[in-house]
PDB file of N, CA and C in Angstrom:
ATOM      1  N   MET A   1      86.445  87.030 114.910  1.00  0.00           N
ATOM      2  CA  MET A   1      86.657  86.576 113.546  1.00  0.00           C
ATOM      3  C   MET A   1      86.621  87.786 112.616  1.00  0.00           C
ATOM      4  N   ASP A   2      87.529  87.831 111.699  1.00  0.00           N
ATOM      5  CA  ASP A   2      87.606  88.929 110.744  1.00  0.00           C
ATOM      6  C   ASP A   2      86.860  88.534 109.474  1.00  0.00           C
ATOM      7  N   TYR A   3      85.829  89.300 109.136  1.00  0.00           N
ATOM      8  CA  TYR A   3      85.018  89.008 107.957  1.00  0.00           C
ATOM      9  C   TYR A   3      85.337  89.940 106.795  1.00  0.00           C
ATOM     10  N   GLY A   4      86.348  90.760 106.945  1.00  0.00           N
ATOM     11  CA  GLY A   4      86.704  91.713 105.904  1.00  0.00           C
ATOM     12  C   GLY A   4      86.097  93.075 106.202  1.00  0.00           C
ATOM     13  N   ASN A   5      86.086  93.930 105.188  1.00  0.00           N
ATOM     14  CA  ASN A   5      85.496  95.257 105.357  1.00  0.00           C
ATOM     15  C   ASN A   5      85.005  95.787 104.013  1.00  0.00           C
ATOM     16  N   LEU A   6      84.371  96.932 104.070  1.00  0.00           N
ATOM     17  CA  LEU A   6      83.906  97.594 102.855  1.00  0.00           C
ATOM     18  C   LEU A   6      84.836  98.752 102.550  1.00  0.00           C
ATOM     19  N   HIS A   7      85.265  98.820 101.312  1.00  0.00           N
ATOM     20  CA  HIS A   7      86.154  99.897 100.867  1.00  0.00           C
ATOM     21  C   HIS A   7      85.359 100.841  99.979  1.00  0.00           C
ATOM     22  N   LEU A   8      85.428 102.116 100.300  1.00  0.00           N
ATOM     23  CA  LEU A   8      84.796 103.137  99.459  1.00  0.00           C
ATOM     24  C   LEU A   8      85.833 103.642  98.465  1.00  0.00           C
ATOM     25  N   ARG A   9      85.523 103.558  97.210  1.00  0.00           N
ATOM     26  CA  ARG A   9      86.463 103.929  96.144  1.00  0.00           C
ATOM     27  C   ARG A   9      86.410 105.428  95.826  1.00  0.00           C
ATOM     28  N   ILE A  10      86.108 106.242  96.800  1.00  0.00           N
ATOM     29  CA  ILE A  10      85.940 107.678  96.562  1.00  0.00           C
ATOM     30  C   ILE A  10      87.202 108.290  95.964  1.00  0.00           C
ATOM     31  N   ASN A  11      88.341 108.046  96.586  1.00  0.00           N
ATOM     32  CA  ASN A  11      89.588 108.660  96.096  1.00  0.00           C
ATOM     33  C   ASN A  11      89.872 108.277  94.646  1.00  0.00           C
ATOM     34  N   GLU A  12      89.709 106.985  94.332  1.00  0.00           N
ATOM     35  CA  GLU A  12      89.985 106.518  92.975  1.00  0.00           C
ATOM     36  C   GLU A  12      89.024 107.157  91.966  1.00  0.00           C
ATOM     37  N   ILE A  13      87.749 107.213  92.333  1.00  0.00           N
ATOM     38  CA  ILE A  13      86.748 107.759  91.419  1.00  0.00           C
ATOM     39  C   ILE A  13      86.947 109.256  91.213  1.00  0.00           C
ATOM     40  N   LEU A  14      87.243 109.981  92.294  1.00  0.00           N
ATOM     41  CA  LEU A  14      87.496 111.420  92.154  1.00  0.00           C
ATOM     42  C   LEU A  14      88.684 111.670  91.237  1.00  0.00           C
ATOM     43  N   GLN A  15      89.721 110.860  91.397  1.00  0.00           N
ATOM     44  CA  GLN A  15      90.912 111.022  90.554  1.00  0.00           C
ATOM     45  C   GLN A  15      90.575 110.714  89.091  1.00  0.00           C
ATOM     46  N   GLU A  16      89.840 109.628  88.854  1.00  0.00           N
ATOM     47  CA  GLU A  16      89.453 109.267  87.484  1.00  0.00           C
ATOM     48  C   GLU A  16      88.647 110.367  86.811  1.00  0.00           C
ATOM     49  N   LYS A  17      87.778 111.005  87.592  1.00  0.00           N
ATOM     50  CA  LYS A  17      86.876 112.022  87.038  1.00  0.00           C
ATOM     51  C   LYS A  17      87.448 113.436  87.117  1.00  0.00           C
ATOM     52  N   GLY A  18      88.604 113.576  87.753  1.00  0.00           N
ATOM     53  CA  GLY A  18      89.230 114.895  87.861  1.00  0.00           C
ATOM     54  C   GLY A  18      88.460 115.864  88.740  1.00  0.00           C
ATOM     55  N   ILE A  19      87.887 115.348  89.827  1.00  0.00           N
ATOM     56  CA  ILE A  19      87.093 116.166  90.755  1.00  0.00           C
ATOM     57  C   ILE A  19      87.867 116.303  92.061  1.00  0.00           C
ATOM     58  N   SER A  20      87.951 117.515  92.568  1.00  0.00           N
ATOM     59  CA  SER A  20      88.651 117.722  93.838  1.00  0.00           C
ATOM     60  C   SER A  20      87.713 117.464  95.018  1.00  0.00           C
ATOM     61  N   LYS A  21      88.299 117.137  96.149  1.00  0.00           N
ATOM     62  CA  LYS A  21      87.514 116.925  97.362  1.00  0.00           C
ATOM     63  C   LYS A  21      86.811 118.212  97.770  1.00  0.00           C
ATOM     64  N   ASN A  22      87.513 119.345  97.609  1.00  0.00           N
ATOM     65  CA  ASN A  22      86.895 120.622  97.962  1.00  0.00           C
ATOM     66  C   ASN A  22      85.651 120.886  97.127  1.00  0.00           C
ATOM     67  N   LYS A  23      85.734 120.601  95.840  1.00  0.00           N
ATOM     68  CA  LYS A  23      84.608 120.858  94.937  1.00  0.00           C
ATOM     69  C   LYS A  23      83.390 120.006  95.305  1.00  0.00           C
ATOM     70  N   ILE A  24      83.604 118.708  95.496  1.00  0.00           N
ATOM     71  CA  ILE A  24      82.469 117.833  95.797  1.00  0.00           C
ATOM     72  C   ILE A  24      81.849 118.177  97.152  1.00  0.00           C
ATOM     73  N   CYS A  25      82.674 118.505  98.136  1.00  0.00           N
ATOM     74  CA  CYS A  25      82.152 118.883  99.453  1.00  0.00           C
ATOM     75  C   CYS A  25      81.328 120.155  99.376  1.00  0.00           C
ATOM     76  N   LYS A  26      81.820 121.111  98.628  1.00  0.00           N
ATOM     77  CA  LYS A  26      81.105 122.383  98.491  1.00  0.00           C
ATOM     78  C   LYS A  26      79.775 122.190  97.753  1.00  0.00           C
ATOM     79  N   GLU A  27      79.808 121.460  96.637  1.00  0.00           N
ATOM     80  CA  GLU A  27      78.611 121.301  95.828  1.00  0.00           C
ATOM     81  C   GLU A  27      77.558 120.410  96.480  1.00  0.00           C
ATOM     82  N   LEU A  28      77.986 119.482  97.323  1.00  0.00           N
ATOM     83  CA  LEU A  28      77.024 118.600  97.993  1.00  0.00           C
ATOM     84  C   LEU A  28      76.755 119.011  99.438  1.00  0.00           C
ATOM     85  N   ASP A  29      77.381 120.100  99.882  1.00  0.00           N
ATOM     86  CA  ASP A  29      77.215 120.594 101.245  1.00  0.00           C
ATOM     87  C   ASP A  29      77.552 119.498 102.275  1.00  0.00           C
ATOM     88  N   ILE A  30      78.728 118.912 102.098  1.00  0.00           N
ATOM     89  CA  ILE A  30      79.223 117.872 103.001  1.00  0.00           C
ATOM     90  C   ILE A  30      80.401 118.452 103.780  1.00  0.00           C
ATOM     91  N   PRO A  31      80.372 118.377 105.119  1.00  0.00           N
ATOM     92  CA  PRO A  31      81.529 118.845 105.890  1.00  0.00           C
ATOM     93  C   PRO A  31      82.784 118.057 105.492  1.00  0.00           C
ATOM     94  N   ARG A  32      83.861 118.763 105.256  1.00  0.00           N
ATOM     95  CA  ARG A  32      85.090 118.133 104.774  1.00  0.00           C
ATOM     96  C   ARG A  32      85.609 117.066 105.747  1.00  0.00           C
ATOM     97  N   THR A  33      85.482 117.290 107.056  1.00  0.00           N
ATOM     98  CA  THR A  33      85.971 116.306 108.025  1.00  0.00           C
ATOM     99  C   THR A  33      85.202 114.989 107.897  1.00  0.00           C
ATOM    100  N   ASN A  34      83.898 115.064 107.704  1.00  0.00           N
ATOM    101  CA  ASN A  34      83.094 113.845 107.511  1.00  0.00           C
ATOM    102  C   ASN A  34      83.488 113.149 106.215  1.00  0.00           C
ATOM    103  N   PHE A  35      83.664 113.930 105.169  1.00  0.00           N
ATOM    104  CA  PHE A  35      84.021 113.379 103.863  1.00  0.00           C
ATOM    105  C   PHE A  35      85.369 112.677 103.925  1.00  0.00           C
ATOM    106  N   ASN A  36      86.322 113.274 104.643  1.00  0.00           N
ATOM    107  CA  ASN A  36      87.646 112.666 104.782  1.00  0.00           C
ATOM    108  C   ASN A  36      87.568 111.298 105.459  1.00  0.00           C
ATOM    109  N   LYS A  37      86.662 111.138 106.433  1.00  0.00           N
ATOM    110  CA  LYS A  37      86.487 109.837 107.083  1.00  0.00           C
ATOM    111  C   LYS A  37      86.040 108.795 106.074  1.00  0.00           C
ATOM    112  N   TYR A  38      85.130 109.171 105.192  1.00  0.00           N
ATOM    113  CA  TYR A  38      84.675 108.251 104.152  1.00  0.00           C
ATOM    114  C   TYR A  38      85.822 107.916 103.197  1.00  0.00           C
ATOM    115  N   CYS A  39      86.628 108.894 102.879  1.00  0.00           N
ATOM    116  CA  CYS A  39      87.755 108.671 101.966  1.00  0.00           C
ATOM    117  C   CYS A  39      88.812 107.745 102.554  1.00  0.00           C
ATOM    118  N   ARG A  40      88.942 107.725 103.879  1.00  0.00           N
ATOM    119  CA  ARG A  40      89.938 106.886 104.569  1.00  0.00           C
ATOM    120  C   ARG A  40      89.377 105.543 105.005  1.00  0.00           C
ATOM    121  N   ASP A  41      88.138 105.230 104.632  1.00  0.00           N
ATOM    122  CA  ASP A  41      87.452 104.031 105.117  1.00  0.00           C
ATOM    123  C   ASP A  41      87.367 104.061 106.640  1.00  0.00           C
ATOM    124  N   GLY A  42      87.189 105.257 107.194  1.00  0.00           N
ATOM    125  CA  GLY A  42      87.139 105.417 108.635  1.00  0.00           C
ATOM    126  C   GLY A  42      85.724 105.452 109.194  1.00  0.00           C
ATOM    127  N   VAL A  43      84.749 105.008 108.421  1.00  0.00           N
ATOM    128  CA  VAL A  43      83.354 105.029 108.847  1.00  0.00           C
ATOM    129  C   VAL A  43      82.900 103.597 109.098  1.00  0.00           C
ATOM    130  N   THR A  44      82.272 103.364 110.257  1.00  0.00           N
ATOM    131  CA  THR A  44      81.781 102.019 110.548  1.00  0.00           C
ATOM    132  C   THR A  44      80.307 101.857 110.194  1.00  0.00           C
ATOM    133  N   ARG A  45      79.568 102.956 110.174  1.00  0.00           N
ATOM    134  CA  ARG A  45      78.152 102.928 109.791  1.00  0.00           C
ATOM    135  C   ARG A  45      77.928 103.982 108.717  1.00  0.00           C
ATOM    136  N   PHE A  46      77.515 103.515 107.563  1.00  0.00           N
ATOM    137  CA  PHE A  46      77.322 104.429 106.445  1.00  0.00           C
ATOM    138  C   PHE A  46      76.035 105.224 106.579  1.00  0.00           C
ATOM    139  N   ASP A  47      76.099 106.474 106.211  1.00  0.00           N
ATOM    140  CA  ASP A  47      74.926 107.337 106.108  1.00  0.00           C
ATOM    141  C   ASP A  47      74.372 107.119 104.698  1.00  0.00           C
ATOM    142  N   THR A  48      73.187 106.528 104.599  1.00  0.00           N
ATOM    143  CA  THR A  48      72.636 106.216 103.276  1.00  0.00           C
ATOM    144  C   THR A  48      72.420 107.472 102.448  1.00  0.00           C
ATOM    145  N   GLY A  49      72.099 108.572 103.115  1.00  0.00           N
ATOM    146  CA  GLY A  49      71.943 109.841 102.396  1.00  0.00           C
ATOM    147  C   GLY A  49      73.246 110.266 101.741  1.00  0.00           C
ATOM    148  N   MET A  50      74.347 110.081 102.449  1.00  0.00           N
ATOM    149  CA  MET A  50      75.681 110.424 101.912  1.00  0.00           C
ATOM    150  C   MET A  50      76.008 109.531 100.722  1.00  0.00           C
ATOM    151  N   ILE A  51      75.750 108.238 100.845  1.00  0.00           N
ATOM    152  CA  ILE A  51      76.034 107.296  99.754  1.00  0.00           C
ATOM    153  C   ILE A  51      75.203 107.666  98.527  1.00  0.00           C
ATOM    154  N   CYS A  52      73.945 107.988  98.728  1.00  0.00           N
ATOM    155  CA  CYS A  52      73.075 108.395  97.610  1.00  0.00           C
ATOM    156  C   CYS A  52      73.573 109.678  96.960  1.00  0.00           C
ATOM    157  N   LYS A  53      73.974 110.650  97.761  1.00  0.00           N
ATOM    158  CA  LYS A  53      74.517 111.909  97.226  1.00  0.00           C
ATOM    159  C   LYS A  53      75.730 111.643  96.344  1.00  0.00           C
ATOM    160  N   LEU A  54      76.641 110.812  96.865  1.00  0.00           N
ATOM    161  CA  LEU A  54      77.872 110.516  96.124  1.00  0.00           C
ATOM    162  C   LEU A  54      77.564 109.805  94.808  1.00  0.00           C
ATOM    163  N   CYS A  55      76.692 108.813  94.856  1.00  0.00           N
ATOM    164  CA  CYS A  55      76.344 108.081  93.628  1.00  0.00           C
ATOM    165  C   CYS A  55      75.688 109.019  92.613  1.00  0.00           C
ATOM    166  N   TRP A  56      74.776 109.853  93.069  1.00  0.00           N
ATOM    167  CA  TRP A  56      74.088 110.795  92.177  1.00  0.00           C
ATOM    168  C   TRP A  56      75.088 111.759  91.552  1.00  0.00           C
ATOM    169  N   TYR A  57      75.923 112.369  92.385  1.00  0.00           N
ATOM    170  CA  TYR A  57      76.869 113.381  91.899  1.00  0.00           C
ATOM    171  C   TYR A  57      77.891 112.782  90.937  1.00  0.00           C
ATOM    172  N   LEU A  58      78.384 111.601  91.278  1.00  0.00           N
ATOM    173  CA  LEU A  58      79.428 110.967  90.471  1.00  0.00           C
ATOM    174  C   LEU A  58      78.863 110.186  89.283  1.00  0.00           C
ATOM    175  N   GLY A  59      77.554 110.001  89.250  1.00  0.00           N
ATOM    176  CA  GLY A  59      76.922 109.275  88.155  1.00  0.00           C
ATOM    177  C   GLY A  59      77.294 107.805  88.132  1.00  0.00           C
ATOM    178  N   ILE A  60      77.309 107.191  89.307  1.00  0.00           N
ATOM    179  CA  ILE A  60      77.718 105.791  89.425  1.00  0.00           C
ATOM    180  C   ILE A  60      76.693 105.000  90.224  1.00  0.00           C
ATOM    181  N   GLU A  61      76.818 103.677  90.170  1.00  0.00           N
ATOM    182  CA  GLU A  61      76.000 102.773  90.972  1.00  0.00           C
ATOM    183  C   GLU A  61      76.710 102.504  92.300  1.00  0.00           C
ATOM    184  N   VAL A  62      75.948 102.064  93.279  1.00  0.00           N
ATOM    185  CA  VAL A  62      76.508 101.774  94.601  1.00  0.00           C
ATOM    186  C   VAL A  62      77.658 100.766  94.502  1.00  0.00           C
ATOM    187  N   GLY A  63      77.502  99.755  93.658  1.00  0.00           N
ATOM    188  CA  GLY A  63      78.531  98.728  93.506  1.00  0.00           C
ATOM    189  C   GLY A  63      79.835  99.239  92.923  1.00  0.00           C
ATOM    190  N   GLU A  64      79.782 100.388  92.272  1.00  0.00           N
ATOM    191  CA  GLU A  64      81.010 100.998  91.758  1.00  0.00           C
ATOM    192  C   GLU A  64      81.714 101.795  92.849  1.00  0.00           C
ATOM    193  N   LEU A  65      80.952 102.216  93.851  1.00  0.00           N
ATOM    194  CA  LEU A  65      81.485 103.025  94.942  1.00  0.00           C
ATOM    195  C   LEU A  65      81.996 102.171  96.095  1.00  0.00           C
ATOM    196  N   ILE A  66      81.235 101.125  96.436  1.00  0.00           N
ATOM    197  CA  ILE A  66      81.551 100.300  97.595  1.00  0.00           C
ATOM    198  C   ILE A  66      82.005  98.925  97.128  1.00  0.00           C
ATOM    199  N   VAL A  67      83.155  98.490  97.637  1.00  0.00           N
ATOM    200  CA  VAL A  67      83.718  97.188  97.265  1.00  0.00           C
ATOM    201  C   VAL A  67      83.970  96.392  98.541  1.00  0.00           C
ATOM    202  N   TYR A  68      83.537  95.119  98.546  1.00  0.00           N
ATOM    203  CA  TYR A  68      83.809  94.234  99.674  1.00  0.00           C
ATOM    204  C   TYR A  68      85.241  93.708  99.565  1.00  0.00           C
ATOM    205  N   MET A  69      85.986  93.853 100.657  1.00  0.00           N
ATOM    206  CA  MET A  69      87.366  93.375 100.714  1.00  0.00           C
ATOM    207  C   MET A  69      87.447  92.232 101.725  1.00  0.00           C
ATOM    208  N   PRO A  70      87.569  90.985 101.238  1.00  0.00           N
ATOM    209  CA  PRO A  70      87.729  89.862 102.171  1.00  0.00           C
ATOM    210  C   PRO A  70      88.964  90.064 103.051  1.00  0.00           C
ATOM    211  N   PRO A  71      89.032  89.400 104.203  1.00  0.00           N
ATOM    212  CA  PRO A  71      90.152  89.614 105.139  1.00  0.00           C
ATOM    213  C   PRO A  71      91.522  89.464 104.507  1.00  0.00           C
ATOM    214  N   TYR A  72      91.711  88.522 103.606  1.00  0.00           N
ATOM    215  CA  TYR A  72      93.032  88.309 103.011  1.00  0.00           C
ATOM    216  C   TYR A  72      93.420  89.417 102.049  1.00  0.00           C
ATOM    217  N   GLU A  73      92.467  90.231 101.585  1.00  0.00           N
ATOM    218  CA  GLU A  73      92.763  91.308 100.639  1.00  0.00           C
ATOM    219  C   GLU A  73      92.957  92.654 101.318  1.00  0.00           C
ATOM    220  N   LYS A  74      92.571  92.785 102.590  1.00  0.00           N
ATOM    221  CA  LYS A  74      92.597  94.081 103.250  1.00  0.00           C
ATOM    222  C   LYS A  74      93.983  94.673 103.382  1.00  0.00           C
ATOM    223  N   SER A  75      94.987  93.829 103.595  1.00  0.00           N
ATOM    224  CA  SER A  75      96.321  94.350 103.887  1.00  0.00           C
ATOM    225  C   SER A  75      96.866  95.188 102.755  1.00  0.00           C
ATOM    226  N   SER A  76      96.744  94.708 101.530  1.00  0.00           N
ATOM    227  CA  SER A  76      97.277  95.488 100.427  1.00  0.00           C
ATOM    228  C   SER A  76      96.912  94.866  99.096  1.00  0.00           C
ATOM    229  N   CYS A  77      96.445  95.692  98.199  1.00  0.00           N
ATOM    230  CA  CYS A  77      96.164  95.225  96.847  1.00  0.00           C
ATOM    231  C   CYS A  77      97.461  94.818  96.168  1.00  0.00           C
ATOM    232  N   VAL A  78      98.563  95.460  96.532  1.00  0.00           N
ATOM    233  CA  VAL A  78      99.858  95.142  95.943  1.00  0.00           C
ATOM    234  C   VAL A  78     100.260  93.729  96.333  1.00  0.00           C
ATOM    235  N   GLN A  79     100.073  93.367  97.607  1.00  0.00           N
ATOM    236  CA  GLN A  79     100.395  92.024  98.052  1.00  0.00           C
ATOM    237  C   GLN A  79      99.522  91.008  97.333  1.00  0.00           C
ATOM    238  N   MET A  80      98.247  91.343  97.132  1.00  0.00           N
ATOM    239  CA  MET A  80      97.340  90.451  96.449  1.00  0.00           C
ATOM    240  C   MET A  80      97.794  90.226  95.011  1.00  0.00           C
ATOM    241  N   ASP A  81      98.181  91.286  94.318  1.00  0.00           N
ATOM    242  CA  ASP A  81      98.666  91.160  92.952  1.00  0.00           C
ATOM    243  C   ASP A  81      99.930  90.308  92.903  1.00  0.00           C
ATOM    244  N   ALA A  82     100.813  90.475  93.880  1.00  0.00           N
ATOM    245  CA  ALA A  82     102.042  89.679  93.930  1.00  0.00           C
ATOM    246  C   ALA A  82     101.696  88.206  94.124  1.00  0.00           C
ATOM    247  N   GLY A  83     100.699  87.928  94.969  1.00  0.00           N
ATOM    248  CA  GLY A  83     100.273  86.548  95.192  1.00  0.00           C
ATOM    249  C   GLY A  83      99.698  85.930  93.935  1.00  0.00           C
ATOM    250  N   ARG A  84      98.917  86.688  93.198  1.00  0.00           N
ATOM    251  CA  ARG A  84      98.359  86.185  91.937  1.00  0.00           C
ATOM    252  C   ARG A  84      99.461  85.899  90.934  1.00  0.00           C
ATOM    253  N   LYS A  85     100.485  86.769  90.891  1.00  0.00           N
ATOM    254  CA  LYS A  85     101.602  86.562  89.977  1.00  0.00           C
ATOM    255  C   LYS A  85     102.333  85.273  90.333  1.00  0.00           C
ATOM    256  N   GLN A  86     102.540  85.045  91.637  1.00  0.00           N
ATOM    257  CA  GLN A  86     103.218  83.822  92.063  1.00  0.00           C
ATOM    258  C   GLN A  86     102.419  82.590  91.656  1.00  0.00           C
ATOM    259  N   GLN A  87     101.080  82.663  91.792  1.00  0.00           N
ATOM    260  CA  GLN A  87     100.242  81.539  91.387  1.00  0.00           C
ATOM    261  C   GLN A  87     100.384  81.275  89.892  1.00  0.00           C
ATOM    262  N   ARG A  88     100.363  82.334  89.087  1.00  0.00           N
ATOM    263  CA  ARG A  88     100.514  82.180  87.635  1.00  0.00           C
ATOM    264  C   ARG A  88     101.866  81.581  87.310  1.00  0.00           C
ATOM    265  N   ASP A  89     102.920  82.077  87.994  1.00  0.00           N
ATOM    266  CA  ASP A  89     104.262  81.571  87.746  1.00  0.00           C
ATOM    267  C   ASP A  89     104.343  80.083  88.066  1.00  0.00           C
ATOM    268  N   ARG A  90     103.732  79.671  89.183  1.00  0.00           N
ATOM    269  CA  ARG A  90     103.745  78.262  89.563  1.00  0.00           C
ATOM    270  C   ARG A  90     103.009  77.412  88.542  1.00  0.00           C
ATOM    271  N   SER A  91     101.860  77.910  88.066  1.00  0.00           N
ATOM    272  CA  SER A  91     101.075  77.115  87.119  1.00  0.00           C
ATOM    273  C   SER A  91     101.781  76.996  85.767  1.00  0.00           C
ATOM    274  N   THR A  92     102.547  77.999  85.360  1.00  0.00           N
ATOM    275  CA  THR A  92     103.264  77.917  84.085  1.00  0.00           C
ATOM    276  C   THR A  92     104.524  77.084  84.200  1.00  0.00           C
ATOM    277  N   ASN A  93     105.002  76.877  85.435  1.00  0.00           N
ATOM    278  CA  ASN A  93     106.205  76.064  85.643  1.00  0.00           C
ATOM    279  C   ASN A  93     105.879  74.599  85.924  1.00  0.00           C
ATOM    280  N   THR A  94     104.601  74.215  85.785  1.00  0.00           N
ATOM    281  CA  THR A  94     104.212  72.834  86.042  1.00  0.00           C
ATOM    282  C   THR A  94     104.202  72.063  84.725  1.00  0.00           C
ATOM    283  N   ARG A  95     104.886  70.908  84.728  1.00  0.00           N
ATOM    284  CA  ARG A  95     104.940  70.088  83.524  1.00  0.00           C
ATOM    285  C   ARG A  95     103.629  69.327  83.352  1.00  0.00           C
ATOM    286  N   GLU A  96     103.465  68.688  82.208  1.00  0.00           N
ATOM    287  CA  GLU A  96     102.255  67.939  81.929  1.00  0.00           C
ATOM    288  C   GLU A  96     102.046  66.789  82.902  1.00  0.00           C
ATOM    289  N   ASP A  97     103.128  66.223  83.455  1.00  0.00           N
ATOM    290  CA  ASP A  97     102.988  65.102  84.392  1.00  0.00           C
ATOM    291  C   ASP A  97     102.655  65.578  85.805  1.00  0.00           C
ATOM    292  N   GLY A  98     102.460  66.897  85.971  1.00  0.00           N
ATOM    293  CA  GLY A  98     102.068  67.462  87.256  1.00  0.00           C
ATOM    294  C   GLY A  98     103.211  67.855  88.151  1.00  0.00           C
ATOM    295  N   LYS A  99     104.447  67.601  87.706  1.00  0.00           N
ATOM    296  CA  LYS A  99     105.609  67.969  88.509  1.00  0.00           C
ATOM    297  C   LYS A  99     106.139  69.304  88.063  1.00  0.00           C
ATOM    298  N   GLU A 100     106.665  70.045  89.034  1.00  0.00           N
ATOM    299  CA  GLU A 100     107.246  71.351  88.682  1.00  0.00           C
ATOM    300  C   GLU A 100     108.543  71.140  87.929  1.00  0.00           C
ATOM    301  N   GLY A 101     108.789  72.068  87.027  1.00  0.00           N
ATOM    302  CA  GLY A 101     110.059  71.936  86.319  1.00  0.00           C
ATOM    303  C   GLY A 101     110.258  72.954  85.262  1.00  0.00           C
TER     304      GLY A 101
END
């Protein structure tokens, strides 16, 4: 059974803050290969020390760094947005009597 996964928003946060991967790895003494695994969501067991370092350095809470992605959302955020748009379109095309039109 697929229960979803955890997504680390490292890439998005680094881009928002204008921080390079090289800079954060150097300043936190993190091997770049390990850091890249975290950036790709390629880690199955998180190192709590690494998570704490990232939160401290980036000035964020754990919930801003780690996001739960249910199974239906894992494939693509773009697909999810398209699905939401279709739902909105359907709801706006429904008449008061409940029939589409």
